[in-house]
């Protein structure tokens, strides 16, 4: 073969790469040896270097020159070896397909470390198993219960995850090497519950980063225990202590927002709130259109006959339904944004609560999270291009407003968030509550550059200080956005569960009112019982909120953990190091071995001698070091709000039969678009 002829046939750019690489002193003989392996000159295409080679400039000096140039040369050879772009695309597609099939075959084969754990082969092969049951069949929770009913307490639900359940008849086999806590557990059915919690409370357990998607860089999704502890030390003080005490005191912002809520509900019940009158009429008309003529006539007659003066003791209410879901959604937004921004945005004053609800609630958030888990490349794209975040459910929180004159609620929120995190000087100049949680969080993150990640800019002057400020502002915005995003939905869910169970059990209402009358200084606070600090310590009120939190635990949320060492679950089965083990909160909180009659609303279970054991077994706000920081705000908001609603209003379902036929969809957390439900009630104020 004529080597020189072959080299001369290579396009000039590739030849430059060849010459620069093989003229290096440390590889004097490489040119001849390698050139002999080239294809004949006639086989080379006229232009084998399409795009990639011009984008790889030659380096004149430096230790990285050989590697850079050699990779560029290999790319040139690969171009003319494949022949043409179409053949290259087909070859790549075939290679990827063959590789994926080989991976699927390995995952379901006896060679895989998790092959000894039972479960569907489709789940072992791919995460698309979960995607199908969440996105298409919409039966993920029912499917989990079905799998555990067939296979027992340990089921493989993905290529790298096993799911644990405690509410099945069988128990975990005894283990002698898992942990001191689990090894001391009894073999009774309740020991499954203890074993799950003991495993997830291990200090070396890390969160599975692939599960938390776009939240994996924030406090709630940080994988590393060390990184989480550092971030928590920065964030936690802002959600506890004096900050929370000021917010929830009798003269704090929470009390002011509760004043507004009660005022709006009283106006809605009386039918004289002009801002929401048209919305209520539209709702009533929509309900009547869906009913038969006879049912509509009966409802009209009943509404007319039950009109009574304000303050009368009545559970039938006025003539129009009140959409309590819309009011509570505006209320929770006012609470959360007021806490993090330090100012009241007045969402309860919105002239169109339905529009605000529909534009700002994160419909389909669970579907998006499932897609990101099932298709990891999408998450990589979101990490690489943060601008894509605006298409996620969090986008309405931190998206830049399109124009200053826009009136949509999402742009109102983003216009308030932007100036607050714009740096100390701009915050003060803009008058945006420099002492707010968001402002202080931004300052804390800016001062602690290490918490921004490896290689983050250190404090100083010039460009590095600007970068540090911008990074801290972005992270502070996302952390508080996550707090609002999760807090709004969690508070709405808990309040909906509380009202739902109380309106169906008059005895619970009478009991709670009697407790308030006996413990709260009604003479001082009148009907504003939420202003009395003692309302937080009422035993029965506390039991109601704990039972509601237990029953409202979501069925879509798992808490996967990975440990660096193998975990023995007994019977010769060992979970390999790095495998995710998870549990579903809804199943754990309805464990019949811990909570007899788990589906019943029984607040007295939290008042008896077993209350201490139940509190230790509860994981409604997380477990171990990964507990939710929002639990402290939730405790204040839920107890004061429930006291305000029950003490000031008689509440009854507007159409109980319809709600039951719909499956009480207003209790769903993060519902899918088009599947959301609304709590329609009759309200009667107890005080004029």
Foldseek 3Di string as FASTA:
>chain_A
DPLVQQLVLQPPLLNVLLCVQQVDPVRVPPSVVVSVPDDHSVLFDNPLDDPPSVVQDADPDDPCRNVSSVVSNVSSVVSSVQPDDVSVVVVVVVVVVVVLVVQLCCQCDPNQQCVVFAEDSVQSRALVQVLCCVPPVVCNLVVVVVGCQVRNQWHRRHNFEIEGFLQYQAFFAADDPFDPQLNPFDRHSCSSLSVVQVNQQDLQKFFDQLLQFPCCLALLNPGDSVLNVVLCVLQLVLLDDPLLCQQLALPHVLLVLLVLLLVLVQCVLVLNDVLCNVVQVVVLVVVLVPDDPVVNVVLQVLQVVPDDDFQDDDFQTHNTWDFVLLSLLLSLLQSLCCQQQVDGPPSNPDSDSPQLCVVQAQACLLSVSSVCSRDVVVSVVCVVPVVCCLVHSLNLQQPAAPDPPDDHPSNVNNVLLVQLLPDDVSCVVVVRPCPHSLNSQLVSCLQVQPSLDPPQQHDDDDPSSVSSSVSSSVNSSVNSSVVSNVSSLLLSLLLLLLVVVCQVPVVLLVVLLVLLVVFFPCVVCPLLRSNGPCLLVRLLLVLSSVLSLLQLQDQSDKGWIFGQQWRDSDPPRISHHPRIYIYRSNSSSQRCVLPPVSNDRDSCCCVDPCNVVNVVSHQSQHHHPSGHSCPVVSSSNSSSSVSSDSSFKNKHFSDVVVCVVLVVQCSDGSHHVPSHDTGIIHIRTNDD
